[in-house]
Amino acid sequence: RMAPDAVVVHDMENCVLYWNRLAEDLYGWS
């Protein structure tokens, strides 16, 4: 939550589990 980066968590099949606000800004998807 405190990271100044785009943080993404995905499972072993590469499906998104978590996508923070900075990831939304970087990649464009909510």
PDB file of all heavy atoms in Angstrom:
ATOM      1  N   ARG A   1       0.819  -1.215   0.000  1.00  0.00           N
ATOM      2  CA  ARG A   1       0.000   0.000   0.000  1.00  0.00           C
ATOM      3  C   ARG A   1       0.854   1.267   0.000  1.00  0.00           C
ATOM      4  O   ARG A   1       0.468   2.288  -0.534  1.00  0.00           O
ATOM      5  CB  ARG A   1      -0.925  -0.022   1.214  1.00  0.00           C
ATOM      6  CG  ARG A   1      -2.169  -0.883   1.030  1.00  0.00           C
ATOM      7  CD  ARG A   1      -3.173  -0.642   2.136  1.00  0.00           C
ATOM      8  NE  ARG A   1      -2.706  -1.161   3.422  1.00  0.00           N
ATOM      9  CZ  ARG A   1      -2.959  -2.379   3.880  1.00  0.00           C
ATOM     10  NH1 ARG A   1      -3.681  -3.217   3.147  1.00  0.00           N
ATOM     11  NH2 ARG A   1      -2.506  -2.782   5.056  1.00  0.00           N
ATOM     12  N   MET A   2       2.044   1.203   0.619  1.00  0.00           N
ATOM     13  CA  MET A   2       2.905   2.379   0.720  1.00  0.00           C
ATOM     14  C   MET A   2       3.887   2.504  -0.451  1.00  0.00           C
ATOM     15  O   MET A   2       4.586   3.503  -0.563  1.00  0.00           O
ATOM     16  CB  MET A   2       3.687   2.326   2.046  1.00  0.00           C
ATOM     17  CG  MET A   2       2.821   2.406   3.288  1.00  0.00           C
ATOM     18  SD  MET A   2       3.779   2.175   4.807  1.00  0.00           S
ATOM     19  CE  MET A   2       4.894   3.568   4.715  1.00  0.00           C
ATOM     20  N   ALA A   3       3.953   1.520  -1.293  1.00  0.00           N
ATOM     21  CA  ALA A   3       4.951   1.513  -2.370  1.00  0.00           C
ATOM     22  C   ALA A   3       4.682   2.635  -3.373  1.00  0.00           C
ATOM     23  O   ALA A   3       3.541   2.849  -3.788  1.00  0.00           O
ATOM     24  CB  ALA A   3       4.922   0.167  -3.091  1.00  0.00           C
ATOM     25  N   PRO A   4       5.736   3.359  -3.770  1.00  0.00           N
ATOM     26  CA  PRO A   4       5.582   4.434  -4.763  1.00  0.00           C
ATOM     27  C   PRO A   4       5.671   3.906  -6.192  1.00  0.00           C
ATOM     28  O   PRO A   4       6.148   4.600  -7.090  1.00  0.00           O
ATOM     29  CB  PRO A   4       6.758   5.351  -4.439  1.00  0.00           C
ATOM     30  CG  PRO A   4       7.826   4.423  -3.979  1.00  0.00           C
ATOM     31  CD  PRO A   4       7.124   3.289  -3.250  1.00  0.00           C
ATOM     32  N   ASP A   5       5.244   2.683  -6.396  1.00  0.00           N
ATOM     33  CA  ASP A   5       5.344   2.038  -7.698  1.00  0.00           C
ATOM     34  C   ASP A   5       3.981   1.498  -8.119  1.00  0.00           C
ATOM     35  O   ASP A   5       3.047   1.417  -7.317  1.00  0.00           O
ATOM     36  CB  ASP A   5       6.337   0.859  -7.654  1.00  0.00           C
ATOM     37  CG  ASP A   5       7.714   1.252  -7.163  1.00  0.00           C
ATOM     38  OD1 ASP A   5       8.394   2.004  -7.879  1.00  0.00           O
ATOM     39  OD2 ASP A   5       8.108   0.814  -6.062  1.00  0.00           O
ATOM     40  N   ALA A   6       3.919   1.093  -9.394  1.00  0.00           N
ATOM     41  CA  ALA A   6       2.759   0.343  -9.851  1.00  0.00           C
ATOM     42  C   ALA A   6       2.904  -1.076  -9.319  1.00  0.00           C
ATOM     43  O   ALA A   6       3.847  -1.787  -9.667  1.00  0.00           O
ATOM     44  CB  ALA A   6       2.703   0.343 -11.380  1.00  0.00           C
ATOM     45  N   VAL A   7       2.003  -1.477  -8.443  1.00  0.00           N
ATOM     46  CA  VAL A   7       2.075  -2.800  -7.820  1.00  0.00           C
ATOM     47  C   VAL A   7       0.999  -3.695  -8.422  1.00  0.00           C
ATOM     48  O   VAL A   7      -0.177  -3.330  -8.470  1.00  0.00           O
ATOM     49  CB  VAL A   7       1.890  -2.709  -6.289  1.00  0.00           C
ATOM     50  CG1 VAL A   7       1.969  -4.107  -5.662  1.00  0.00           C
ATOM     51  CG2 VAL A   7       2.942  -1.788  -5.680  1.00  0.00           C
ATOM     52  N   VAL A   8       1.447  -4.855  -8.875  1.00  0.00           N
ATOM     53  CA  VAL A   8       0.531  -5.821  -9.478  1.00  0.00           C
ATOM     54  C   VAL A   8       0.802  -7.186  -8.851  1.00  0.00           C
ATOM     55  O   VAL A   8       1.951  -7.608  -8.731  1.00  0.00           O
ATOM     56  CB  VAL A   8       0.724  -5.913 -11.008  1.00  0.00           C
ATOM     57  CG1 VAL A   8      -0.209  -6.963 -11.597  1.00  0.00           C
ATOM     58  CG2 VAL A   8       0.473  -4.557 -11.661  1.00  0.00           C
ATOM     59  N   VAL A   9      -0.279  -7.855  -8.437  1.00  0.00           N
ATOM     60  CA  VAL A   9      -0.178  -9.229  -7.949  1.00  0.00           C
ATOM     61  C   VAL A   9      -0.949 -10.110  -8.927  1.00  0.00           C
ATOM     62  O   VAL A   9      -2.103  -9.815  -9.256  1.00  0.00           O
ATOM     63  CB  VAL A   9      -0.764  -9.373  -6.526  1.00  0.00           C
ATOM     64  CG1 VAL A   9      -0.585 -10.810  -6.034  1.00  0.00           C
ATOM     65  CG2 VAL A   9      -0.098  -8.388  -5.571  1.00  0.00           C
ATOM     66  N   HIS A  10      -0.301 -11.171  -9.407  1.00  0.00           N
ATOM     67  CA  HIS A  10      -1.006 -12.097 -10.291  1.00  0.00           C
ATOM     68  C   HIS A  10      -0.708 -13.528  -9.867  1.00  0.00           C
ATOM     69  O   HIS A  10       0.311 -13.814  -9.225  1.00  0.00           O
ATOM     70  CB  HIS A  10      -0.627 -11.863 -11.754  1.00  0.00           C
ATOM     71  CG  HIS A  10       0.825 -12.076 -12.065  1.00  0.00           C
ATOM     72  ND1 HIS A  10       1.360 -13.310 -12.335  1.00  0.00           N
ATOM     73  CD2 HIS A  10       1.849 -11.182 -12.158  1.00  0.00           C
ATOM     74  CE1 HIS A  10       2.649 -13.182 -12.596  1.00  0.00           C
ATOM     75  NE2 HIS A  10       2.979 -11.898 -12.486  1.00  0.00           N
ATOM     76  N   ASP A  11      -1.620 -14.435 -10.206  1.00  0.00           N
ATOM     77  CA  ASP A  11      -1.440 -15.828  -9.815  1.00  0.00           C
ATOM     78  C   ASP A  11      -0.467 -16.513 -10.779  1.00  0.00           C
ATOM     79  O   ASP A  11       0.096 -15.872 -11.690  1.00  0.00           O
ATOM     80  CB  ASP A  11      -2.789 -16.543  -9.748  1.00  0.00           C
ATOM     81  CG  ASP A  11      -3.521 -16.556 -11.080  1.00  0.00           C
ATOM     82  OD1 ASP A  11      -2.868 -16.400 -12.142  1.00  0.00           O
ATOM     83  OD2 ASP A  11      -4.762 -16.690 -11.078  1.00  0.00           O
ATOM     84  N   MET A  12      -0.283 -17.811 -10.597  1.00  0.00           N
ATOM     85  CA  MET A  12       0.690 -18.535 -11.395  1.00  0.00           C
ATOM     86  C   MET A  12       0.229 -18.724 -12.835  1.00  0.00           C
ATOM     87  O   MET A  12       1.003 -19.144 -13.685  1.00  0.00           O
ATOM     88  CB  MET A  12       0.989 -19.895 -10.748  1.00  0.00           C
ATOM     89  CG  MET A  12       1.478 -19.779  -9.294  1.00  0.00           C
ATOM     90  SD  MET A  12       2.815 -18.539  -9.064  1.00  0.00           S
ATOM     91  CE  MET A  12       4.149 -19.280 -10.025  1.00  0.00           C
ATOM     92  N   GLU A  13      -1.038 -18.414 -13.113  1.00  0.00           N
ATOM     93  CA  GLU A  13      -1.537 -18.420 -14.497  1.00  0.00           C
ATOM     94  C   GLU A  13      -1.532 -17.006 -15.084  1.00  0.00           C
ATOM     95  O   GLU A  13      -2.113 -16.760 -16.142  1.00  0.00           O
ATOM     96  CB  GLU A  13      -2.960 -18.996 -14.549  1.00  0.00           C
ATOM     97  CG  GLU A  13      -3.036 -20.505 -14.395  1.00  0.00           C
ATOM     98  CD  GLU A  13      -2.743 -20.943 -12.966  1.00  0.00           C
ATOM     99  OE1 GLU A  13      -3.228 -20.260 -12.023  1.00  0.00           O
ATOM    100  OE2 GLU A  13      -2.036 -21.952 -12.778  1.00  0.00           O
ATOM    101  N   ASN A  14      -0.903 -16.081 -14.357  1.00  0.00           N
ATOM    102  CA  ASN A  14      -0.754 -14.691 -14.807  1.00  0.00           C
ATOM    103  C   ASN A  14      -2.064 -13.914 -14.848  1.00  0.00           C
ATOM    104  O   ASN A  14      -2.187 -12.924 -15.584  1.00  0.00           O
ATOM    105  CB  ASN A  14      -0.061 -14.608 -16.175  1.00  0.00           C
ATOM    106  CG  ASN A  14       1.407 -14.954 -16.092  1.00  0.00           C
ATOM    107  OD1 ASN A  14       2.068 -14.643 -15.106  1.00  0.00           O
ATOM    108  ND2 ASN A  14       1.922 -15.602 -17.125  1.00  0.00           N
ATOM    109  N   CYS A  15      -3.055 -14.330 -14.054  1.00  0.00           N
ATOM    110  CA  CYS A  15      -4.294 -13.561 -13.949  1.00  0.00           C
ATOM    111  C   CYS A  15      -4.191 -12.597 -12.765  1.00  0.00           C
ATOM    112  O   CYS A  15      -3.696 -12.962 -11.692  1.00  0.00           O
ATOM    113  CB  CYS A  15      -5.477 -14.494 -13.758  1.00  0.00           C
ATOM    114  SG  CYS A  15      -5.834 -15.482 -15.229  1.00  0.00           S
ATOM    115  N   VAL A  16      -4.654 -11.368 -12.964  1.00  0.00           N
ATOM    116  CA  VAL A  16      -4.472 -10.309 -11.975  1.00  0.00           C
ATOM    117  C   VAL A  16      -5.312 -10.563 -10.717  1.00  0.00           C
ATOM    118  O   VAL A  16      -6.512 -10.833 -10.795  1.00  0.00           O
ATOM    119  CB  VAL A  16      -4.844  -8.942 -12.580  1.00  0.00           C
ATOM    120  CG1 VAL A  16      -4.738  -7.848 -11.519  1.00  0.00           C
ATOM    121  CG2 VAL A  16      -3.932  -8.617 -13.759  1.00  0.00           C
ATOM    122  N   LEU A  17      -4.634 -10.437  -9.560  1.00  0.00           N
ATOM    123  CA  LEU A  17      -5.311 -10.537  -8.266  1.00  0.00           C
ATOM    124  C   LEU A  17      -5.382  -9.184  -7.566  1.00  0.00           C
ATOM    125  O   LEU A  17      -6.270  -8.960  -6.744  1.00  0.00           O
ATOM    126  CB  LEU A  17      -4.569 -11.539  -7.357  1.00  0.00           C
ATOM    127  CG  LEU A  17      -4.426 -12.972  -7.875  1.00  0.00           C
ATOM    128  CD1 LEU A  17      -3.539 -13.774  -6.932  1.00  0.00           C
ATOM    129  CD2 LEU A  17      -5.782 -13.628  -8.041  1.00  0.00           C
ATOM    130  N   TYR A  18      -4.437  -8.313  -7.899  1.00  0.00           N
ATOM    131  CA  TYR A  18      -4.377  -7.004  -7.237  1.00  0.00           C
ATOM    132  C   TYR A  18      -3.733  -6.017  -8.199  1.00  0.00           C
ATOM    133  O   TYR A  18      -2.787  -6.340  -8.923  1.00  0.00           O
ATOM    134  CB  TYR A  18      -3.569  -7.108  -5.939  1.00  0.00           C
ATOM    135  CG  TYR A  18      -3.349  -5.782  -5.241  1.00  0.00           C
ATOM    136  CD1 TYR A  18      -4.348  -5.205  -4.471  1.00  0.00           C
ATOM    137  CD2 TYR A  18      -2.132  -5.110  -5.358  1.00  0.00           C
ATOM    138  CE1 TYR A  18      -4.148  -3.994  -3.830  1.00  0.00           C
ATOM    139  CE2 TYR A  18      -1.919  -3.900  -4.717  1.00  0.00           C
ATOM    140  CZ  TYR A  18      -2.926  -3.335  -3.955  1.00  0.00           C
ATOM    141  OH  TYR A  18      -2.727  -2.135  -3.323  1.00  0.00           O
ATOM    142  N   TRP A  19      -4.225  -4.774  -8.160  1.00  0.00           N
ATOM    143  CA  TRP A  19      -3.810  -3.760  -9.156  1.00  0.00           C
ATOM    144  C   TRP A  19      -4.005  -2.411  -8.480  1.00  0.00           C
ATOM    145  O   TRP A  19      -5.119  -1.956  -8.303  1.00  0.00           O
ATOM    146  CB  TRP A  19      -4.712  -3.919 -10.376  1.00  0.00           C
ATOM    147  CG  TRP A  19      -4.426  -3.114 -11.612  1.00  0.00           C
ATOM    148  CD1 TRP A  19      -4.907  -1.880 -11.914  1.00  0.00           C
ATOM    149  CD2 TRP A  19      -3.673  -3.539 -12.749  1.00  0.00           C
ATOM    150  NE1 TRP A  19      -4.502  -1.490 -13.161  1.00  0.00           N
ATOM    151  CE2 TRP A  19      -3.744  -2.503 -13.708  1.00  0.00           C
ATOM    152  CE3 TRP A  19      -2.943  -4.690 -13.054  1.00  0.00           C
ATOM    153  CZ2 TRP A  19      -3.100  -2.585 -14.943  1.00  0.00           C
ATOM    154  CZ3 TRP A  19      -2.317  -4.773 -14.279  1.00  0.00           C
ATOM    155  CH2 TRP A  19      -2.390  -3.742 -15.210  1.00  0.00           C
ATOM    156  N   ASN A  20      -2.910  -1.767  -8.057  1.00  0.00           N
ATOM    157  CA  ASN A  20      -3.077  -0.544  -7.276  1.00  0.00           C
ATOM    158  C   ASN A  20      -3.307   0.680  -8.167  1.00  0.00           C
ATOM    159  O   ASN A  20      -3.325   0.588  -9.408  1.00  0.00           O
ATOM    160  CB  ASN A  20      -1.893  -0.340  -6.321  1.00  0.00           C
ATOM    161  CG  ASN A  20      -0.632   0.140  -7.031  1.00  0.00           C
ATOM    162  OD1 ASN A  20      -0.521   0.066  -8.254  1.00  0.00           O
ATOM    163  ND2 ASN A  20       0.335   0.614  -6.255  1.00  0.00           N
ATOM    164  N   ARG A  21      -3.472   1.832  -7.521  1.00  0.00           N
ATOM    165  CA  ARG A  21      -3.811   3.058  -8.260  1.00  0.00           C
ATOM    166  C   ARG A  21      -2.713   3.461  -9.233  1.00  0.00           C
ATOM    167  O   ARG A  21      -2.988   3.925 -10.355  1.00  0.00           O
ATOM    168  CB  ARG A  21      -4.064   4.199  -7.267  1.00  0.00           C
ATOM    169  CG  ARG A  21      -4.489   5.513  -7.942  1.00  0.00           C
ATOM    170  CD  ARG A  21      -4.678   6.609  -6.920  1.00  0.00           C
ATOM    171  NE  ARG A  21      -3.492   6.792  -6.093  1.00  0.00           N
ATOM    172  CZ  ARG A  21      -2.399   7.466  -6.497  1.00  0.00           C
ATOM    173  NH1 ARG A  21      -2.366   7.996  -7.720  1.00  0.00           N
ATOM    174  NH2 ARG A  21      -1.365   7.618  -5.692  1.00  0.00           N
ATOM    175  N   LEU A  22      -1.449   3.295  -8.839  1.00  0.00           N
ATOM    176  CA  LEU A  22      -0.355   3.660  -9.732  1.00  0.00           C
ATOM    177  C   LEU A  22      -0.275   2.725 -10.934  1.00  0.00           C
ATOM    178  O   LEU A  22       0.170   3.131 -12.015  1.00  0.00           O
ATOM    179  CB  LEU A  22       0.972   3.663  -8.964  1.00  0.00           C
ATOM    180  CG  LEU A  22       1.107   4.786  -7.923  1.00  0.00           C
ATOM    181  CD1 LEU A  22       2.398   4.642  -7.133  1.00  0.00           C
ATOM    182  CD2 LEU A  22       1.063   6.149  -8.606  1.00  0.00           C
ATOM    183  N   ALA A  23      -0.723   1.485 -10.744  1.00  0.00           N
ATOM    184  CA  ALA A  23      -0.815   0.574 -11.889  1.00  0.00           C
ATOM    185  C   ALA A  23      -1.906   1.048 -12.846  1.00  0.00           C
ATOM    186  O   ALA A  23      -1.756   0.961 -14.073  1.00  0.00           O
ATOM    187  CB  ALA A  23      -1.106  -0.844 -11.409  1.00  0.00           C
ATOM    188  N   GLU A  24      -3.003   1.564 -12.297  1.00  0.00           N
ATOM    189  CA  GLU A  24      -4.052   2.132 -13.141  1.00  0.00           C
ATOM    190  C   GLU A  24      -3.505   3.301 -13.959  1.00  0.00           C
ATOM    191  O   GLU A  24      -3.795   3.434 -15.155  1.00  0.00           O
ATOM    192  CB  GLU A  24      -5.221   2.599 -12.274  1.00  0.00           C
ATOM    193  CG  GLU A  24      -5.975   1.480 -11.574  1.00  0.00           C
ATOM    194  CD  GLU A  24      -7.121   2.007 -10.709  1.00  0.00           C
ATOM    195  OE1 GLU A  24      -7.143   3.232 -10.456  1.00  0.00           O
ATOM    196  OE2 GLU A  24      -7.978   1.207 -10.306  1.00  0.00           O
ATOM    197  N   ASP A  25      -2.707   4.150 -13.293  1.00  0.00           N
ATOM    198  CA  ASP A  25      -2.130   5.315 -13.997  1.00  0.00           C
ATOM    199  C   ASP A  25      -1.160   4.890 -15.091  1.00  0.00           C
ATOM    200  O   ASP A  25      -1.126   5.483 -16.182  1.00  0.00           O
ATOM    201  CB  ASP A  25      -1.407   6.216 -12.997  1.00  0.00           C
ATOM    202  CG  ASP A  25      -2.351   6.847 -11.990  1.00  0.00           C
ATOM    203  OD1 ASP A  25      -3.568   6.903 -12.282  1.00  0.00           O
ATOM    204  OD2 ASP A  25      -1.888   7.268 -10.910  1.00  0.00           O
ATOM    205  N   LEU A  26      -0.353   3.863 -14.819  1.00  0.00           N
ATOM    206  CA  LEU A  26       0.666   3.438 -15.777  1.00  0.00           C
ATOM    207  C   LEU A  26       0.074   2.697 -16.963  1.00  0.00           C
ATOM    208  O   LEU A  26       0.417   2.980 -18.120  1.00  0.00           O
ATOM    209  CB  LEU A  26       1.710   2.554 -15.071  1.00  0.00           C
ATOM    210  CG  LEU A  26       2.804   1.931 -15.954  1.00  0.00           C
ATOM    211  CD1 LEU A  26       3.573   3.015 -16.722  1.00  0.00           C
ATOM    212  CD2 LEU A  26       3.765   1.087 -15.110  1.00  0.00           C
ATOM    213  N   TYR A  27      -0.835   1.779 -16.687  1.00  0.00           N
ATOM    214  CA  TYR A  27      -1.310   0.896 -17.757  1.00  0.00           C
ATOM    215  C   TYR A  27      -2.653   1.319 -18.358  1.00  0.00           C
ATOM    216  O   TYR A  27      -2.990   0.880 -19.459  1.00  0.00           O
ATOM    217  CB  TYR A  27      -1.412  -0.537 -17.229  1.00  0.00           C
ATOM    218  CG  TYR A  27      -0.076  -1.075 -16.751  1.00  0.00           C
ATOM    219  CD1 TYR A  27       0.172  -1.257 -15.395  1.00  0.00           C
ATOM    220  CD2 TYR A  27       0.939  -1.387 -17.648  1.00  0.00           C
ATOM    221  CE1 TYR A  27       1.396  -1.745 -14.946  1.00  0.00           C
ATOM    222  CE2 TYR A  27       2.163  -1.875 -17.217  1.00  0.00           C
ATOM    223  CZ  TYR A  27       2.382  -2.045 -15.861  1.00  0.00           C
ATOM    224  OH  TYR A  27       3.590  -2.522 -15.425  1.00  0.00           O
ATOM    225  N   GLY A  28      -3.418   2.137 -17.639  1.00  0.00           N
ATOM    226  CA  GLY A  28      -4.653   2.661 -18.216  1.00  0.00           C
ATOM    227  C   GLY A  28      -5.911   1.880 -17.908  1.00  0.00           C
ATOM    228  O   GLY A  28      -7.005   2.329 -18.258  1.00  0.00           O
ATOM    229  N   TRP A  29      -5.799   0.703 -17.295  1.00  0.00           N
ATOM    230  CA  TRP A  29      -6.992  -0.066 -16.912  1.00  0.00           C
ATOM    231  C   TRP A  29      -7.290   0.146 -15.434  1.00  0.00           C
ATOM    232  O   TRP A  29      -6.359   0.203 -14.605  1.00  0.00           O
ATOM    233  CB  TRP A  29      -6.772  -1.568 -17.132  1.00  0.00           C
ATOM    234  CG  TRP A  29      -6.858  -2.008 -18.569  1.00  0.00           C
ATOM    235  CD1 TRP A  29      -7.974  -2.266 -19.290  1.00  0.00           C
ATOM    236  CD2 TRP A  29      -5.751  -2.240 -19.454  1.00  0.00           C
ATOM    237  NE1 TRP A  29      -7.658  -2.668 -20.572  1.00  0.00           N
ATOM    238  CE2 TRP A  29      -6.292  -2.654 -20.704  1.00  0.00           C
ATOM    239  CE3 TRP A  29      -4.375  -2.142 -19.325  1.00  0.00           C
ATOM    240  CZ2 TRP A  29      -5.502  -2.975 -21.801  1.00  0.00           C
ATOM    241  CZ3 TRP A  29      -3.575  -2.454 -20.407  1.00  0.00           C
ATOM    242  CH2 TRP A  29      -4.141  -2.851 -21.629  1.00  0.00           C
ATOM    243  N   SER A  30      -8.544   0.245 -15.097  1.00  0.00           N
ATOM    244  CA  SER A  30      -8.912   0.349 -13.690  1.00  0.00           C
ATOM    245  C   SER A  30      -8.795  -1.021 -13.031  1.00  0.00           C
ATOM    246  O   SER A  30      -8.732  -2.059 -13.699  1.00  0.00           O
ATOM    247  CB  SER A  30     -10.344   0.867 -13.546  1.00  0.00           C
ATOM    248  OG  SER A  30     -11.271  -0.118 -14.009  1.00  0.00           O
TER     249      SER A  30
END
